[in-house]
Amino acid sequence: MSKALETVPVATTPQITHPEIQKKPLSWSNIALGAAIQTFEVSTLGQPFEVVKTHMAANRADSIATSLKKTYARGGISGFYQGLIP
């Protein structure tokens, strides 16, 4: 082996130290608030999809566009939220 290969310095990467992450405790009120917000979000955003899906299941010949048009013609914007409040 040649002497030049023996003396080649090897590059080292500096060690990066990360501060330890500590979790904050969750209170029951935060969990309840998060659950309430999630329930509201799922109800308001998901209900129109459920109405159109149910319409398409009942009327197999209708496309998505036809189901949307018929649902809107039947009840306007509130037609997409039928069944949300009994």
PDB file of N, CA and C in Angstrom:
ATOM      1  N   MET A   1       0.847  -1.162   0.000  1.00  0.00           N
ATOM      2  CA  MET A   1       0.000   0.000   0.000  1.00  0.00           C
ATOM      3  C   MET A   1       0.899   1.233   0.000  1.00  0.00           C
ATOM      4  N   SER A   2       0.482   2.245  -0.723  1.00  0.00           N
ATOM      5  CA  SER A   2       1.327   3.443  -0.774  1.00  0.00           C
ATOM      6  C   SER A   2       1.098   4.293   0.457  1.00  0.00           C
ATOM      7  N   LYS A   3       2.090   5.084   0.742  1.00  0.00           N
ATOM      8  CA  LYS A   3       2.037   5.922   1.931  1.00  0.00           C
ATOM      9  C   LYS A   3       1.006   7.043   1.785  1.00  0.00           C
ATOM     10  N   ALA A   4       0.705   7.480   0.557  1.00  0.00           N
ATOM     11  CA  ALA A   4      -0.254   8.562   0.320  1.00  0.00           C
ATOM     12  C   ALA A   4      -1.662   8.152   0.740  1.00  0.00           C
ATOM     13  N   LEU A   5      -2.004   6.896   0.518  1.00  0.00           N
ATOM     14  CA  LEU A   5      -3.341   6.430   0.886  1.00  0.00           C
ATOM     15  C   LEU A   5      -3.507   6.299   2.393  1.00  0.00           C
ATOM     16  N   GLU A   6      -2.453   6.072   3.082  1.00  0.00           N
ATOM     17  CA  GLU A   6      -2.541   5.909   4.527  1.00  0.00           C
ATOM     18  C   GLU A   6      -2.756   7.226   5.254  1.00  0.00           C
ATOM     19  N   THR A   7      -2.328   8.321   4.685  1.00  0.00           N
ATOM     20  CA  THR A   7      -2.401   9.604   5.382  1.00  0.00           C
ATOM     21  C   THR A   7      -3.558  10.479   4.926  1.00  0.00           C
ATOM     22  N   VAL A   8      -4.469   9.949   4.138  1.00  0.00           N
ATOM     23  CA  VAL A   8      -5.611  10.742   3.673  1.00  0.00           C
ATOM     24  C   VAL A   8      -6.554  10.957   4.850  1.00  0.00           C
ATOM     25  N   PRO A   9      -6.854  12.217   5.168  1.00  0.00           N
ATOM     26  CA  PRO A   9      -7.779  12.460   6.287  1.00  0.00           C
ATOM     27  C   PRO A   9      -9.209  12.081   5.903  1.00  0.00           C
ATOM     28  N   VAL A  10      -9.920  11.571   6.835  1.00  0.00           N
ATOM     29  CA  VAL A  10     -11.312  11.180   6.622  1.00  0.00           C
ATOM     30  C   VAL A  10     -12.202  12.284   7.167  1.00  0.00           C
ATOM     31  N   ALA A  11     -13.145  12.727   6.331  1.00  0.00           N
ATOM     32  CA  ALA A  11     -14.062  13.783   6.769  1.00  0.00           C
ATOM     33  C   ALA A  11     -15.068  13.196   7.755  1.00  0.00           C
ATOM     34  N   THR A  12     -15.257  13.885   8.822  1.00  0.00           N
ATOM     35  CA  THR A  12     -16.236  13.436   9.808  1.00  0.00           C
ATOM     36  C   THR A  12     -17.352  14.464   9.890  1.00  0.00           C
ATOM     37  N   THR A  13     -18.528  13.977  10.119  1.00  0.00           N
ATOM     38  CA  THR A  13     -19.663  14.887  10.269  1.00  0.00           C
ATOM     39  C   THR A  13     -19.835  15.211  11.743  1.00  0.00           C
ATOM     40  N   PRO A  14     -20.116  16.459  12.025  1.00  0.00           N
ATOM     41  CA  PRO A  14     -20.303  16.812  13.435  1.00  0.00           C
ATOM     42  C   PRO A  14     -21.581  16.174  13.981  1.00  0.00           C
ATOM     43  N   GLN A  15     -21.557  15.799  15.206  1.00  0.00           N
ATOM     44  CA  GLN A  15     -22.724  15.207  15.851  1.00  0.00           C
ATOM     45  C   GLN A  15     -23.722  16.308  16.193  1.00  0.00           C
ATOM     46  N   ILE A  16     -24.952  16.107  15.772  1.00  0.00           N
ATOM     47  CA  ILE A  16     -26.011  17.070  16.062  1.00  0.00           C
ATOM     48  C   ILE A  16     -26.805  16.537  17.243  1.00  0.00           C
ATOM     49  N   THR A  17     -26.902  17.328  18.245  1.00  0.00           N
ATOM     50  CA  THR A  17     -27.677  16.912  19.412  1.00  0.00           C
ATOM     51  C   THR A  17     -29.016  17.631  19.395  1.00  0.00           C
ATOM     52  N   HIS A  18     -30.048  16.894  19.667  1.00  0.00           N
ATOM     53  CA  HIS A  18     -31.398  17.445  19.693  1.00  0.00           C
ATOM     54  C   HIS A  18     -31.847  17.576  21.142  1.00  0.00           C
ATOM     55  N   PRO A  19     -32.490  18.681  21.440  1.00  0.00           N
ATOM     56  CA  PRO A  19     -33.024  18.775  22.806  1.00  0.00           C
ATOM     57  C   PRO A  19     -34.146  17.750  22.979  1.00  0.00           C
ATOM     58  N   GLU A  20     -34.263  17.232  24.148  1.00  0.00           N
ATOM     59  CA  GLU A  20     -35.285  16.223  24.404  1.00  0.00           C
ATOM     60  C   GLU A  20     -36.667  16.867  24.371  1.00  0.00           C
ATOM     61  N   ILE A  21     -37.559  16.246  23.633  1.00  0.00           N
ATOM     62  CA  ILE A  21     -38.922  16.760  23.499  1.00  0.00           C
ATOM     63  C   ILE A  21     -39.754  16.205  24.645  1.00  0.00           C
ATOM     64  N   GLN A  22     -40.396  17.102  25.347  1.00  0.00           N
ATOM     65  CA  GLN A  22     -41.248  16.681  26.455  1.00  0.00           C
ATOM     66  C   GLN A  22     -42.698  16.941  26.082  1.00  0.00           C
ATOM     67  N   LYS A  23     -43.528  15.941  26.281  1.00  0.00           N
ATOM     68  CA  LYS A  23     -44.944  16.071  25.973  1.00  0.00           C
ATOM     69  C   LYS A  23     -45.652  16.793  27.098  1.00  0.00           C
ATOM     70  N   LYS A  24     -46.571  17.673  26.687  1.00  0.00           N
ATOM     71  CA  LYS A  24     -47.382  18.362  27.685  1.00  0.00           C
ATOM     72  C   LYS A  24     -48.606  17.502  27.989  1.00  0.00           C
ATOM     73  N   PRO A  25     -49.049  17.474  29.219  1.00  0.00           N
ATOM     74  CA  PRO A  25     -50.238  16.672  29.544  1.00  0.00           C
ATOM     75  C   PRO A  25     -51.492  17.292  28.918  1.00  0.00           C
ATOM     76  N   LEU A  26     -52.408  16.425  28.488  1.00  0.00           N
ATOM     77  CA  LEU A  26     -53.675  16.874  27.918  1.00  0.00           C
ATOM     78  C   LEU A  26     -54.749  16.867  28.987  1.00  0.00           C
ATOM     79  N   SER A  27     -55.531  17.916  28.995  1.00  0.00           N
ATOM     80  CA  SER A  27     -56.648  17.952  29.937  1.00  0.00           C
ATOM     81  C   SER A  27     -57.882  17.356  29.258  1.00  0.00           C
ATOM     82  N   TRP A  28     -58.814  16.899  30.056  1.00  0.00           N
ATOM     83  CA  TRP A  28     -60.045  16.317  29.516  1.00  0.00           C
ATOM     84  C   TRP A  28     -60.863  17.356  28.769  1.00  0.00           C
ATOM     85  N   SER A  29     -60.775  18.617  29.178  1.00  0.00           N
ATOM     86  CA  SER A  29     -61.531  19.656  28.475  1.00  0.00           C
ATOM     87  C   SER A  29     -60.992  19.855  27.063  1.00  0.00           C
ATOM     88  N   ASN A  30     -59.683  19.753  26.875  1.00  0.00           N
ATOM     89  CA  ASN A  30     -59.116  19.866  25.528  1.00  0.00           C
ATOM     90  C   ASN A  30     -59.527  18.690  24.652  1.00  0.00           C
ATOM     91  N   ILE A  31     -59.556  17.505  25.230  1.00  0.00           N
ATOM     92  CA  ILE A  31     -59.978  16.325  24.475  1.00  0.00           C
ATOM     93  C   ILE A  31     -61.450  16.444  24.089  1.00  0.00           C
ATOM     94  N   ALA A  32     -62.295  16.883  25.022  1.00  0.00           N
ATOM     95  CA  ALA A  32     -63.726  17.036  24.744  1.00  0.00           C
ATOM     96  C   ALA A  32     -63.961  18.113  23.688  1.00  0.00           C
ATOM     97  N   LEU A  33     -63.229  19.215  23.774  1.00  0.00           N
ATOM     98  CA  LEU A  33     -63.371  20.283  22.787  1.00  0.00           C
ATOM     99  C   LEU A  33     -62.945  19.793  21.409  1.00  0.00           C
ATOM    100  N   GLY A  34     -61.850  19.067  21.336  1.00  0.00           N
ATOM    101  CA  GLY A  34     -61.394  18.518  20.059  1.00  0.00           C
ATOM    102  C   GLY A  34     -62.395  17.544  19.466  1.00  0.00           C
ATOM    103  N   ALA A  35     -62.995  16.714  20.306  1.00  0.00           N
ATOM    104  CA  ALA A  35     -64.001  15.762  19.831  1.00  0.00           C
ATOM    105  C   ALA A  35     -65.240  16.481  19.319  1.00  0.00           C
ATOM    106  N   ALA A  36     -65.654  17.539  20.012  1.00  0.00           N
ATOM    107  CA  ALA A  36     -66.832  18.296  19.580  1.00  0.00           C
ATOM    108  C   ALA A  36     -66.576  18.995  18.252  1.00  0.00           C
ATOM    109  N   ILE A  37     -65.408  19.586  18.107  1.00  0.00           N
ATOM    110  CA  ILE A  37     -65.076  20.264  16.847  1.00  0.00           C
ATOM    111  C   ILE A  37     -65.001  19.258  15.707  1.00  0.00           C
ATOM    112  N   GLN A  38     -64.417  18.099  15.945  1.00  0.00           N
ATOM    113  CA  GLN A  38     -64.312  17.068  14.916  1.00  0.00           C
ATOM    114  C   GLN A  38     -65.692  16.553  14.516  1.00  0.00           C
ATOM    115  N   THR A  39     -66.576  16.360  15.477  1.00  0.00           N
ATOM    116  CA  THR A  39     -67.932  15.902  15.174  1.00  0.00           C
ATOM    117  C   THR A  39     -68.672  16.926  14.329  1.00  0.00           C
ATOM    118  N   PHE A  40     -68.546  18.197  14.681  1.00  0.00           N
ATOM    119  CA  PHE A  40     -69.178  19.263  13.906  1.00  0.00           C
ATOM    120  C   PHE A  40     -68.619  19.295  12.488  1.00  0.00           C
ATOM    121  N   GLU A  41     -67.323  19.161  12.357  1.00  0.00           N
ATOM    122  CA  GLU A  41     -66.679  19.207  11.045  1.00  0.00           C
ATOM    123  C   GLU A  41     -67.132  18.046  10.166  1.00  0.00           C
ATOM    124  N   VAL A  42     -67.153  16.850  10.721  1.00  0.00           N
ATOM    125  CA  VAL A  42     -67.564  15.680   9.953  1.00  0.00           C
ATOM    126  C   VAL A  42     -69.021  15.806   9.532  1.00  0.00           C
ATOM    127  N   SER A  43     -69.866  16.312  10.423  1.00  0.00           N
ATOM    128  CA  SER A  43     -71.286  16.452  10.104  1.00  0.00           C
ATOM    129  C   SER A  43     -71.513  17.473   9.002  1.00  0.00           C
ATOM    130  N   THR A  44     -70.881  18.623   9.113  1.00  0.00           N
ATOM    131  CA  THR A  44     -71.150  19.686   8.144  1.00  0.00           C
ATOM    132  C   THR A  44     -70.487  19.434   6.803  1.00  0.00           C
ATOM    133  N   LEU A  45     -69.308  18.847   6.786  1.00  0.00           N
ATOM    134  CA  LEU A  45     -68.621  18.617   5.521  1.00  0.00           C
ATOM    135  C   LEU A  45     -68.973  17.275   4.894  1.00  0.00           C
ATOM    136  N   GLY A  46     -69.311  16.294   5.697  1.00  0.00           N
ATOM    137  CA  GLY A  46     -69.576  14.963   5.181  1.00  0.00           C
ATOM    138  C   GLY A  46     -71.015  14.699   4.792  1.00  0.00           C
ATOM    139  N   GLN A  47     -71.951  15.430   5.365  1.00  0.00           N
ATOM    140  CA  GLN A  47     -73.372  15.181   5.113  1.00  0.00           C
ATOM    141  C   GLN A  47     -73.753  15.312   3.638  1.00  0.00           C
ATOM    142  N   PRO A  48     -73.305  16.342   2.917  1.00  0.00           N
ATOM    143  CA  PRO A  48     -73.672  16.415   1.494  1.00  0.00           C
ATOM    144  C   PRO A  48     -73.216  15.191   0.698  1.00  0.00           C
ATOM    145  N   PHE A  49     -72.049  14.652   1.011  1.00  0.00           N
ATOM    146  CA  PHE A  49     -71.578  13.455   0.317  1.00  0.00           C
ATOM    147  C   PHE A  49     -72.463  12.257   0.632  1.00  0.00           C
ATOM    148  N   GLU A  50     -72.894  12.148   1.873  1.00  0.00           N
ATOM    149  CA  GLU A  50     -73.770  11.040   2.260  1.00  0.00           C
ATOM    150  C   GLU A  50     -75.122  11.134   1.553  1.00  0.00           C
ATOM    151  N   VAL A  51     -75.661  12.347   1.430  1.00  0.00           N
ATOM    152  CA  VAL A  51     -76.955  12.525   0.759  1.00  0.00           C
ATOM    153  C   VAL A  51     -76.841  12.123  -0.707  1.00  0.00           C
ATOM    154  N   VAL A  52     -75.794  12.585  -1.383  1.00  0.00           N
ATOM    155  CA  VAL A  52     -75.611  12.251  -2.800  1.00  0.00           C
ATOM    156  C   VAL A  52     -75.348  10.753  -2.954  1.00  0.00           C
ATOM    157  N   LYS A  53     -74.567  10.171  -2.055  1.00  0.00           N
ATOM    158  CA  LYS A  53     -74.282   8.732  -2.112  1.00  0.00           C
ATOM    159  C   LYS A  53     -75.567   7.922  -1.947  1.00  0.00           C
ATOM    160  N   THR A  54     -76.413   8.332  -1.016  1.00  0.00           N
ATOM    161  CA  THR A  54     -77.679   7.632  -0.796  1.00  0.00           C
ATOM    162  C   THR A  54     -78.596   7.781  -2.003  1.00  0.00           C
ATOM    163  N   HIS A  55     -78.606   8.979  -2.599  1.00  0.00           N
ATOM    164  CA  HIS A  55     -79.418   9.203  -3.803  1.00  0.00           C
ATOM    165  C   HIS A  55     -78.939   8.290  -4.935  1.00  0.00           C
ATOM    166  N   MET A  56     -77.625   8.175  -5.090  1.00  0.00           N
ATOM    167  CA  MET A  56     -77.090   7.332  -6.158  1.00  0.00           C
ATOM    168  C   MET A  56     -77.360   5.851  -5.899  1.00  0.00           C
ATOM    169  N   ALA A  57     -77.388   5.448  -4.631  1.00  0.00           N
ATOM    170  CA  ALA A  57     -77.685   4.052  -4.311  1.00  0.00           C
ATOM    171  C   ALA A  57     -79.143   3.729  -4.611  1.00  0.00           C
ATOM    172  N   ALA A  58     -80.023   4.696  -4.369  1.00  0.00           N
ATOM    173  CA  ALA A  58     -81.449   4.472  -4.619  1.00  0.00           C
ATOM    174  C   ALA A  58     -81.783   4.568  -6.103  1.00  0.00           C
ATOM    175  N   ASN A  59     -81.051   5.377  -6.836  1.00  0.00           N
ATOM    176  CA  ASN A  59     -81.288   5.577  -8.268  1.00  0.00           C
ATOM    177  C   ASN A  59     -80.010   5.203  -9.015  1.00  0.00           C
ATOM    178  N   ARG A  60     -79.856   3.936  -9.291  1.00  0.00           N
ATOM    179  CA  ARG A  60     -78.602   3.426  -9.857  1.00  0.00           C
ATOM    180  C   ARG A  60     -78.273   4.018 -11.224  1.00  0.00           C
ATOM    181  N   ALA A  61     -79.252   4.473 -11.972  1.00  0.00           N
ATOM    182  CA  ALA A  61     -78.997   5.002 -13.312  1.00  0.00           C
ATOM    183  C   ALA A  61     -78.446   6.425 -13.274  1.00  0.00           C
ATOM    184  N   ASP A  62     -78.568   7.112 -12.148  1.00  0.00           N
ATOM    185  CA  ASP A  62     -78.123   8.508 -12.058  1.00  0.00           C
ATOM    186  C   ASP A  62     -76.611   8.597 -11.861  1.00  0.00           C
ATOM    187  N   SER A  63     -76.011   9.568 -12.551  1.00  0.00           N
ATOM    188  CA  SER A  63     -74.583   9.834 -12.369  1.00  0.00           C
ATOM    189  C   SER A  63     -74.405  10.786 -11.186  1.00  0.00           C
ATOM    190  N   ILE A  64     -73.163  11.109 -10.879  1.00  0.00           N
ATOM    191  CA  ILE A  64     -72.901  12.047  -9.785  1.00  0.00           C
ATOM    192  C   ILE A  64     -73.492  13.409 -10.117  1.00  0.00           C
ATOM    193  N   ALA A  65     -73.283  13.858 -11.364  1.00  0.00           N
ATOM    194  CA  ALA A  65     -73.796  15.172 -11.765  1.00  0.00           C
ATOM    195  C   ALA A  65     -75.319  15.213 -11.682  1.00  0.00           C
ATOM    196  N   THR A  66     -75.970  14.147 -12.137  1.00  0.00           N
ATOM    197  CA  THR A  66     -77.433  14.092 -12.083  1.00  0.00           C
ATOM    198  C   THR A  66     -77.918  14.070 -10.638  1.00  0.00           C
ATOM    199  N   SER A  67     -77.239  13.325  -9.795  1.00  0.00           N
ATOM    200  CA  SER A  67     -77.616  13.271  -8.380  1.00  0.00           C
ATOM    201  C   SER A  67     -77.465  14.632  -7.720  1.00  0.00           C
ATOM    202  N   LEU A  68     -76.379  15.337  -8.029  1.00  0.00           N
ATOM    203  CA  LEU A  68     -76.185  16.685  -7.487  1.00  0.00           C
ATOM    204  C   LEU A  68     -77.292  17.630  -7.945  1.00  0.00           C
ATOM    205  N   LYS A  69     -77.619  17.581  -9.240  1.00  0.00           N
ATOM    206  CA  LYS A  69     -78.661  18.463  -9.786  1.00  0.00           C
ATOM    207  C   LYS A  69     -80.023  18.164  -9.160  1.00  0.00           C
ATOM    208  N   LYS A  70     -80.365  16.888  -9.042  1.00  0.00           N
ATOM    209  CA  LYS A  70     -81.666  16.519  -8.478  1.00  0.00           C
ATOM    210  C   LYS A  70     -81.761  16.881  -6.997  1.00  0.00           C
ATOM    211  N   THR A  71     -80.671  16.687  -6.269  1.00  0.00           N
ATOM    212  CA  THR A  71     -80.670  17.039  -4.847  1.00  0.00           C
ATOM    213  C   THR A  71     -80.829  18.537  -4.678  1.00  0.00           C
ATOM    214  N   TYR A  72     -80.133  19.318  -5.491  1.00  0.00           N
ATOM    215  CA  TYR A  72     -80.239  20.778  -5.412  1.00  0.00           C
ATOM    216  C   TYR A  72     -81.632  21.245  -5.841  1.00  0.00           C
ATOM    217  N   ALA A  73     -82.195  20.618  -6.885  1.00  0.00           N
ATOM    218  CA  ALA A  73     -83.533  20.997  -7.349  1.00  0.00           C
ATOM    219  C   ALA A  73     -84.588  20.668  -6.300  1.00  0.00           C
ATOM    220  N   ARG A  74     -84.382  19.596  -5.560  1.00  0.00           N
ATOM    221  CA  ARG A  74     -85.351  19.174  -4.558  1.00  0.00           C
ATOM    222  C   ARG A  74     -85.342  20.063  -3.322  1.00  0.00           C
ATOM    223  N   GLY A  75     -84.161  20.566  -2.904  1.00  0.00           N
ATOM    224  CA  GLY A  75     -84.148  21.311  -1.651  1.00  0.00           C
ATOM    225  C   GLY A  75     -83.154  22.448  -1.576  1.00  0.00           C
ATOM    226  N   GLY A  76     -82.523  22.805  -2.690  1.00  0.00           N
ATOM    227  CA  GLY A  76     -81.519  23.862  -2.642  1.00  0.00           C
ATOM    228  C   GLY A  76     -80.309  23.399  -1.841  1.00  0.00           C
ATOM    229  N   ILE A  77     -79.598  24.352  -1.269  1.00  0.00           N
ATOM    230  CA  ILE A  77     -78.425  24.010  -0.461  1.00  0.00           C
ATOM    231  C   ILE A  77     -78.827  23.171   0.749  1.00  0.00           C
ATOM    232  N   SER A  78     -79.966  23.488   1.352  1.00  0.00           N
ATOM    233  CA  SER A  78     -80.387  22.721   2.532  1.00  0.00           C
ATOM    234  C   SER A  78     -80.763  21.284   2.171  1.00  0.00           C
ATOM    235  N   GLY A  79     -81.016  21.013   0.896  1.00  0.00           N
ATOM    236  CA  GLY A  79     -81.297  19.649   0.466  1.00  0.00           C
ATOM    237  C   GLY A  79     -80.121  18.715   0.675  1.00  0.00           C
ATOM    238  N   PHE A  80     -78.913  19.265   0.653  1.00  0.00           N
ATOM    239  CA  PHE A  80     -77.725  18.447   0.878  1.00  0.00           C
ATOM    240  C   PHE A  80     -77.547  18.090   2.351  1.00  0.00           C
ATOM    241  N   TYR A  81     -78.282  18.769   3.220  1.00  0.00           N
ATOM    242  CA  TYR A  81     -78.177  18.515   4.661  1.00  0.00           C
ATOM    243  C   TYR A  81     -79.423  17.839   5.217  1.00  0.00           C
ATOM    244  N   GLN A  82     -80.274  17.284   4.338  1.00  0.00           N
ATOM    245  CA  GLN A  82     -81.469  16.610   4.832  1.00  0.00           C
ATOM    246  C   GLN A  82     -81.058  15.385   5.630  1.00  0.00           C
ATOM    247  N   GLY A  83     -81.739  15.182   6.729  1.00  0.00           N
ATOM    248  CA  GLY A  83     -81.430  14.067   7.604  1.00  0.00           C
ATOM    249  C   GLY A  83     -80.400  14.392   8.667  1.00  0.00           C
ATOM    250  N   LEU A  84     -79.785  15.561   8.589  1.00  0.00           N
ATOM    251  CA  LEU A  84     -78.797  15.933   9.600  1.00  0.00           C
ATOM    252  C   LEU A  84     -79.481  16.214  10.929  1.00  0.00           C
ATOM    253  N   ILE A  85     -80.606  16.920  10.861  1.00  0.00           N
ATOM    254  CA  ILE A  85     -81.401  17.204  12.055  1.00  0.00           C
ATOM    255  C   ILE A  85     -82.722  16.465  11.898  1.00  0.00           C
ATOM    256  N   PRO A  86     -83.039  15.573  12.819  1.00  0.00           N
ATOM    257  CA  PRO A  86     -84.262  14.767  12.664  1.00  0.00           C
ATOM    258  C   PRO A  86     -85.539  15.564  12.679  1.00  0.00           C
TER     259      PRO A  86
END
